């Protein structure tokens, strides 16, 4: 039997091509790591949705179990876990993030 967090996460990453689990939201990130990923996505003009893990303790723990990744933020593209702040930052700087978005047919600049 799936838990409520897993059900929600599966729906989120299925319904949204780019989904970011973060502390705060895109307009008001609540930590520097979340702010950095939002900044990268905004800079690239990527359409994305967010979920604020601070508003939901079940989601906050559930996302860590779902991805087997201990920290937030967590970025998903077309249902695939990409990584957290360090990985997204490295991919952005190397050009890998733009390549991935192109491959997944996600609009960006």
N, C-alpha and C. Protein backbone atom coordinates (compact mmCIF):
# COMPACT_ATOMS: atom_id res chain seq x y z
N UNK A 1 0.85 -1.19 0.00
CA UNK A 1 0.00 0.00 0.00
C UNK A 1 0.89 1.25 0.00
N UNK A 2 0.56 2.19 -0.85
CA UNK A 2 1.36 3.41 -0.92
C UNK A 2 0.92 4.40 0.16
N UNK A 3 1.87 5.22 0.58
CA UNK A 3 1.54 6.21 1.58
C UNK A 3 1.08 7.50 0.89
N UNK A 4 0.41 8.41 1.63
CA UNK A 4 -0.12 9.64 1.02
C UNK A 4 0.95 10.50 0.36
N UNK A 5 2.14 10.58 0.97
CA UNK A 5 3.21 11.39 0.39
C UNK A 5 3.64 10.80 -0.96
N UNK A 6 3.79 9.49 -1.01
CA UNK A 6 4.20 8.83 -2.26
C UNK A 6 3.17 9.04 -3.36
N UNK A 7 1.89 8.95 -3.00
CA UNK A 7 0.81 9.17 -3.96
C UNK A 7 0.87 10.59 -4.50
N UNK A 8 1.05 11.56 -3.61
CA UNK A 8 1.12 12.97 -4.02
C UNK A 8 2.34 13.23 -4.90
N UNK A 9 3.50 12.71 -4.50
CA UNK A 9 4.73 12.93 -5.27
C UNK A 9 4.59 12.33 -6.66
N UNK A 10 4.07 11.12 -6.74
CA UNK A 10 3.88 10.47 -8.04
C UNK A 10 2.97 11.33 -8.92
N UNK A 11 1.89 11.85 -8.35
CA UNK A 11 0.98 12.72 -9.12
C UNK A 11 1.70 14.00 -9.55
N UNK A 12 2.43 14.63 -8.61
CA UNK A 12 3.15 15.87 -8.91
C UNK A 12 4.12 15.70 -10.08
N UNK A 13 4.94 14.66 -10.01
CA UNK A 13 6.00 14.50 -11.02
C UNK A 13 5.45 13.95 -12.33
N UNK A 14 4.23 13.40 -12.31
CA UNK A 14 3.58 12.94 -13.53
C UNK A 14 2.87 14.11 -14.23
N UNK A 15 2.24 14.97 -13.44
CA UNK A 15 1.43 16.07 -13.99
C UNK A 15 2.26 17.30 -14.35
N UNK A 16 3.45 17.44 -13.78
CA UNK A 16 4.28 18.62 -14.01
C UNK A 16 5.61 18.20 -14.62
N UNK A 17 5.91 18.72 -15.80
CA UNK A 17 7.13 18.33 -16.50
C UNK A 17 8.37 18.65 -15.67
N UNK A 18 8.36 19.80 -14.98
CA UNK A 18 9.48 20.18 -14.11
C UNK A 18 8.90 20.49 -12.74
N UNK A 19 9.32 19.70 -11.76
CA UNK A 19 8.77 19.80 -10.40
C UNK A 19 9.93 19.96 -9.41
N UNK A 20 9.81 20.98 -8.56
CA UNK A 20 10.85 21.25 -7.57
C UNK A 20 10.26 21.17 -6.17
N UNK A 21 10.80 20.25 -5.38
CA UNK A 21 10.45 20.17 -3.96
C UNK A 21 11.47 21.02 -3.23
N UNK A 22 10.99 21.99 -2.46
CA UNK A 22 11.88 22.99 -1.89
C UNK A 22 11.35 23.51 -0.56
N UNK A 23 12.19 24.28 0.10
CA UNK A 23 11.77 25.00 1.31
C UNK A 23 11.31 26.38 0.86
N UNK A 24 10.02 26.65 1.08
CA UNK A 24 9.43 27.90 0.60
C UNK A 24 8.81 27.67 -0.77
N UNK A 25 8.68 28.77 -1.53
CA UNK A 25 8.13 28.66 -2.88
C UNK A 25 8.97 29.50 -3.83
N UNK A 26 8.62 29.48 -5.10
CA UNK A 26 9.43 30.15 -6.12
C UNK A 26 9.56 31.65 -5.85
N UNK A 27 8.52 32.25 -5.29
CA UNK A 27 8.56 33.69 -5.01
C UNK A 27 9.30 34.01 -3.72
N UNK A 28 9.29 33.06 -2.78
CA UNK A 28 9.93 33.30 -1.50
C UNK A 28 10.61 32.04 -0.98
N UNK A 29 11.76 31.69 -1.57
CA UNK A 29 12.51 30.53 -1.07
C UNK A 29 12.91 30.76 0.39
N UNK A 30 12.91 29.67 1.16
CA UNK A 30 13.20 29.77 2.59
C UNK A 30 14.59 29.24 2.95
N UNK A 31 15.39 28.91 1.94
CA UNK A 31 16.78 28.54 2.20
C UNK A 31 17.61 28.85 0.96
N UNK A 32 18.89 29.02 1.16
CA UNK A 32 19.78 29.40 0.07
C UNK A 32 19.87 28.36 -1.03
N UNK A 33 19.82 27.09 -0.67
CA UNK A 33 19.92 26.03 -1.67
C UNK A 33 18.69 26.04 -2.57
N UNK A 34 17.51 26.19 -1.96
CA UNK A 34 16.28 26.27 -2.74
C UNK A 34 16.31 27.52 -3.62
N UNK A 35 16.77 28.63 -3.07
CA UNK A 35 16.85 29.89 -3.82
C UNK A 35 17.75 29.73 -5.04
N UNK A 36 18.84 29.01 -4.88
CA UNK A 36 19.80 28.81 -5.99
C UNK A 36 19.15 28.04 -7.14
N UNK A 37 18.44 26.97 -6.83
CA UNK A 37 17.80 26.18 -7.89
C UNK A 37 16.70 27.00 -8.57
N UNK A 38 15.90 27.73 -7.79
CA UNK A 38 14.87 28.60 -8.37
C UNK A 38 15.53 29.63 -9.30
N UNK A 39 16.63 30.21 -8.85
CA UNK A 39 17.35 31.20 -9.64
C UNK A 39 17.82 30.62 -10.98
N UNK A 40 18.34 29.41 -10.96
CA UNK A 40 18.80 28.75 -12.20
C UNK A 40 17.62 28.51 -13.13
N UNK A 41 16.53 27.97 -12.62
CA UNK A 41 15.36 27.68 -13.45
C UNK A 41 14.77 28.97 -14.02
N UNK A 42 14.69 30.01 -13.20
CA UNK A 42 14.18 31.30 -13.68
C UNK A 42 15.10 31.90 -14.73
N UNK A 43 16.41 31.81 -14.51
CA UNK A 43 17.39 32.33 -15.46
C UNK A 43 17.23 31.65 -16.83
N UNK A 44 16.95 30.36 -16.81
CA UNK A 44 16.79 29.59 -18.05
C UNK A 44 15.37 29.68 -18.60
N UNK A 45 14.50 30.40 -17.87
CA UNK A 45 13.10 30.56 -18.25
C UNK A 45 12.38 29.21 -18.42
N UNK A 46 12.64 28.33 -17.48
CA UNK A 46 12.01 27.00 -17.47
C UNK A 46 10.69 27.10 -16.71
N UNK A 47 9.58 26.66 -17.32
CA UNK A 47 8.33 26.62 -16.56
C UNK A 47 8.40 25.47 -15.54
N UNK A 48 8.11 25.77 -14.27
CA UNK A 48 8.18 24.72 -13.26
C UNK A 48 7.17 24.97 -12.16
N UNK A 49 6.86 23.91 -11.44
CA UNK A 49 5.97 23.97 -10.28
C UNK A 49 6.80 23.65 -9.05
N UNK A 50 6.34 24.14 -7.90
CA UNK A 50 7.05 23.85 -6.65
C UNK A 50 6.09 23.27 -5.62
N UNK A 51 6.68 22.58 -4.66
CA UNK A 51 5.96 22.11 -3.48
C UNK A 51 6.82 22.51 -2.28
N UNK A 52 6.19 23.16 -1.32
CA UNK A 52 6.88 23.64 -0.11
C UNK A 52 6.86 22.56 0.95
N UNK A 53 8.02 21.95 1.19
CA UNK A 53 8.08 20.86 2.17
C UNK A 53 7.94 21.37 3.61
N UNK A 54 8.12 22.67 3.83
CA UNK A 54 7.97 23.22 5.18
C UNK A 54 6.51 23.24 5.63
N UNK A 55 5.59 23.24 4.67
CA UNK A 55 4.16 23.28 4.99
C UNK A 55 3.60 21.90 5.31
N UNK A 56 4.37 20.84 5.02
CA UNK A 56 3.84 19.49 5.13
C UNK A 56 4.94 18.52 5.59
N UNK A 57 5.00 18.24 6.91
CA UNK A 57 6.03 17.35 7.43
C UNK A 57 6.01 15.96 6.79
N UNK A 58 4.83 15.47 6.42
CA UNK A 58 4.72 14.16 5.78
C UNK A 58 5.41 14.20 4.41
N UNK A 59 5.18 15.28 3.67
CA UNK A 59 5.83 15.45 2.37
C UNK A 59 7.34 15.63 2.55
N UNK A 60 7.73 16.37 3.56
CA UNK A 60 9.16 16.64 3.80
C UNK A 60 9.94 15.34 4.00
N UNK A 61 9.39 14.42 4.78
CA UNK A 61 10.05 13.13 4.97
C UNK A 61 9.81 12.21 3.79
N UNK A 62 8.61 12.29 3.23
CA UNK A 62 8.23 11.41 2.12
C UNK A 62 9.10 11.61 0.88
N UNK A 63 9.45 12.85 0.56
CA UNK A 63 10.25 13.11 -0.63
C UNK A 63 11.65 12.53 -0.48
N UNK A 64 12.17 12.55 0.74
CA UNK A 64 13.51 11.99 0.99
C UNK A 64 13.50 10.48 0.79
N UNK A 65 12.42 9.83 1.23
CA UNK A 65 12.30 8.38 1.06
C UNK A 65 12.04 8.03 -0.40
N UNK A 66 11.20 8.82 -1.05
CA UNK A 66 10.82 8.57 -2.44
C UNK A 66 12.05 8.54 -3.35
N UNK A 67 12.93 9.53 -3.16
CA UNK A 67 14.10 9.67 -4.03
C UNK A 67 15.33 8.96 -3.47
N UNK A 68 15.25 8.56 -2.21
CA UNK A 68 16.42 8.03 -1.51
C UNK A 68 17.54 9.07 -1.50
N UNK A 69 17.15 10.34 -1.31
CA UNK A 69 18.07 11.48 -1.29
C UNK A 69 17.78 12.24 0.00
N UNK A 70 18.79 12.53 0.82
CA UNK A 70 18.53 13.03 2.18
C UNK A 70 18.19 14.52 2.30
N UNK A 71 18.34 15.29 1.23
CA UNK A 71 18.16 16.74 1.38
C UNK A 71 17.16 17.31 0.39
N UNK A 72 16.73 18.54 0.68
CA UNK A 72 15.85 19.32 -0.17
C UNK A 72 16.63 20.60 -0.49
N UNK A 73 16.57 21.15 -1.68
CA UNK A 73 15.60 20.90 -2.75
C UNK A 73 15.91 19.64 -3.56
N UNK A 74 14.86 19.20 -4.25
CA UNK A 74 14.97 18.07 -5.17
C UNK A 74 14.25 18.44 -6.46
N UNK A 75 14.95 18.26 -7.58
CA UNK A 75 14.39 18.61 -8.88
C UNK A 75 14.07 17.35 -9.68
N UNK A 76 12.87 17.33 -10.24
CA UNK A 76 12.42 16.26 -11.12
C UNK A 76 12.10 16.84 -12.48
N UNK A 77 12.54 16.14 -13.54
CA UNK A 77 12.21 16.54 -14.90
C UNK A 77 11.58 15.33 -15.59
N UNK A 78 10.34 15.51 -16.03
CA UNK A 78 9.57 14.43 -16.69
C UNK A 78 9.59 13.16 -15.85
N UNK A 79 9.40 13.32 -14.53
CA UNK A 79 9.31 12.18 -13.64
C UNK A 79 10.63 11.62 -13.18
N UNK A 80 11.74 12.15 -13.70
CA UNK A 80 13.07 11.64 -13.36
C UNK A 80 13.72 12.53 -12.31
N UNK A 81 14.22 11.92 -11.25
CA UNK A 81 14.94 12.68 -10.21
C UNK A 81 16.28 13.12 -10.79
N UNK A 82 16.51 14.44 -10.78
CA UNK A 82 17.74 14.99 -11.31
C UNK A 82 18.78 15.17 -10.20
N UNK A 83 18.36 15.76 -9.08
CA UNK A 83 19.27 15.94 -7.96
C UNK A 83 18.91 17.16 -7.15
N UNK A 84 19.85 17.52 -6.27
CA UNK A 84 19.67 18.68 -5.41
C UNK A 84 20.43 19.88 -5.93
N UNK A 85 20.67 20.83 -5.06
CA UNK A 85 21.27 22.10 -5.44
C UNK A 85 22.65 21.93 -6.10
N UNK A 86 23.53 21.15 -5.50
CA UNK A 86 24.88 21.01 -6.05
C UNK A 86 24.86 20.39 -7.44
N UNK A 87 24.08 19.35 -7.61
CA UNK A 87 24.01 18.67 -8.91
C UNK A 87 23.39 19.59 -9.96
N UNK A 88 22.29 20.26 -9.61
CA UNK A 88 21.65 21.17 -10.57
C UNK A 88 22.60 22.31 -10.93
N UNK A 89 23.31 22.86 -9.94
CA UNK A 89 24.27 23.94 -10.19
C UNK A 89 25.38 23.48 -11.14
N UNK A 90 25.93 22.29 -10.88
CA UNK A 90 27.00 21.76 -11.73
C UNK A 90 26.49 21.51 -13.15
N UNK A 91 25.28 20.97 -13.26
CA UNK A 91 24.71 20.70 -14.58
C UNK A 91 24.46 22.00 -15.34
N UNK A 92 24.02 23.02 -14.62
CA UNK A 92 23.79 24.33 -15.25
C UNK A 92 25.10 24.90 -15.77
N UNK A 93 26.13 24.88 -14.94
CA UNK A 93 27.42 25.46 -15.31
C UNK A 93 28.08 24.71 -16.47
N UNK A 94 27.89 23.40 -16.54
CA UNK A 94 28.54 22.60 -17.59
C UNK A 94 27.73 22.57 -18.89
N UNK A 95 26.49 23.04 -18.83
CA UNK A 95 25.62 22.97 -20.00
C UNK A 95 24.77 21.71 -20.06
N UNK A 96 25.02 20.78 -19.12
CA UNK A 96 24.27 19.52 -19.11
C UNK A 96 22.78 19.73 -18.85
N UNK A 97 22.44 20.74 -18.04
CA UNK A 97 21.03 20.98 -17.72
C UNK A 97 20.29 21.42 -18.98
N UNK A 98 20.87 22.32 -19.76
CA UNK A 98 20.24 22.76 -21.01
C UNK A 98 20.06 21.58 -21.96
N UNK A 99 21.08 20.72 -22.05
CA UNK A 99 21.01 19.53 -22.91
C UNK A 99 19.87 18.61 -22.46
N UNK A 100 19.79 18.37 -21.14
CA UNK A 100 18.74 17.52 -20.59
C UNK A 100 17.36 18.09 -20.91
N UNK A 101 17.19 19.40 -20.70
CA UNK A 101 15.89 20.05 -20.96
C UNK A 101 15.52 19.94 -22.43
N UNK A 102 16.50 20.10 -23.31
CA UNK A 102 16.25 19.96 -24.75
C UNK A 102 15.83 18.53 -25.08
N UNK A 103 16.56 17.57 -24.53
CA UNK A 103 16.24 16.16 -24.78
C UNK A 103 14.84 15.80 -24.29
N UNK A 104 14.45 16.39 -23.17
CA UNK A 104 13.14 16.09 -22.58
C UNK A 104 12.04 16.99 -23.15
N UNK A 105 12.41 17.85 -24.12
CA UNK A 105 11.47 18.77 -24.77
C UNK A 105 10.81 19.73 -23.79
N UNK A 106 11.63 20.26 -22.87
CA UNK A 106 11.17 21.27 -21.92
C UNK A 106 11.59 22.64 -22.46
N UNK A 107 10.66 23.59 -22.61
CA UNK A 107 11.07 24.91 -23.10
C UNK A 107 12.03 25.60 -22.13
N UNK A 108 13.05 26.23 -22.71
CA UNK A 108 14.03 26.97 -21.89
C UNK A 108 14.86 27.85 -22.81
N UNK A 109 15.63 28.75 -22.19
CA UNK A 109 16.53 29.61 -22.96
C UNK A 109 17.95 29.40 -22.50
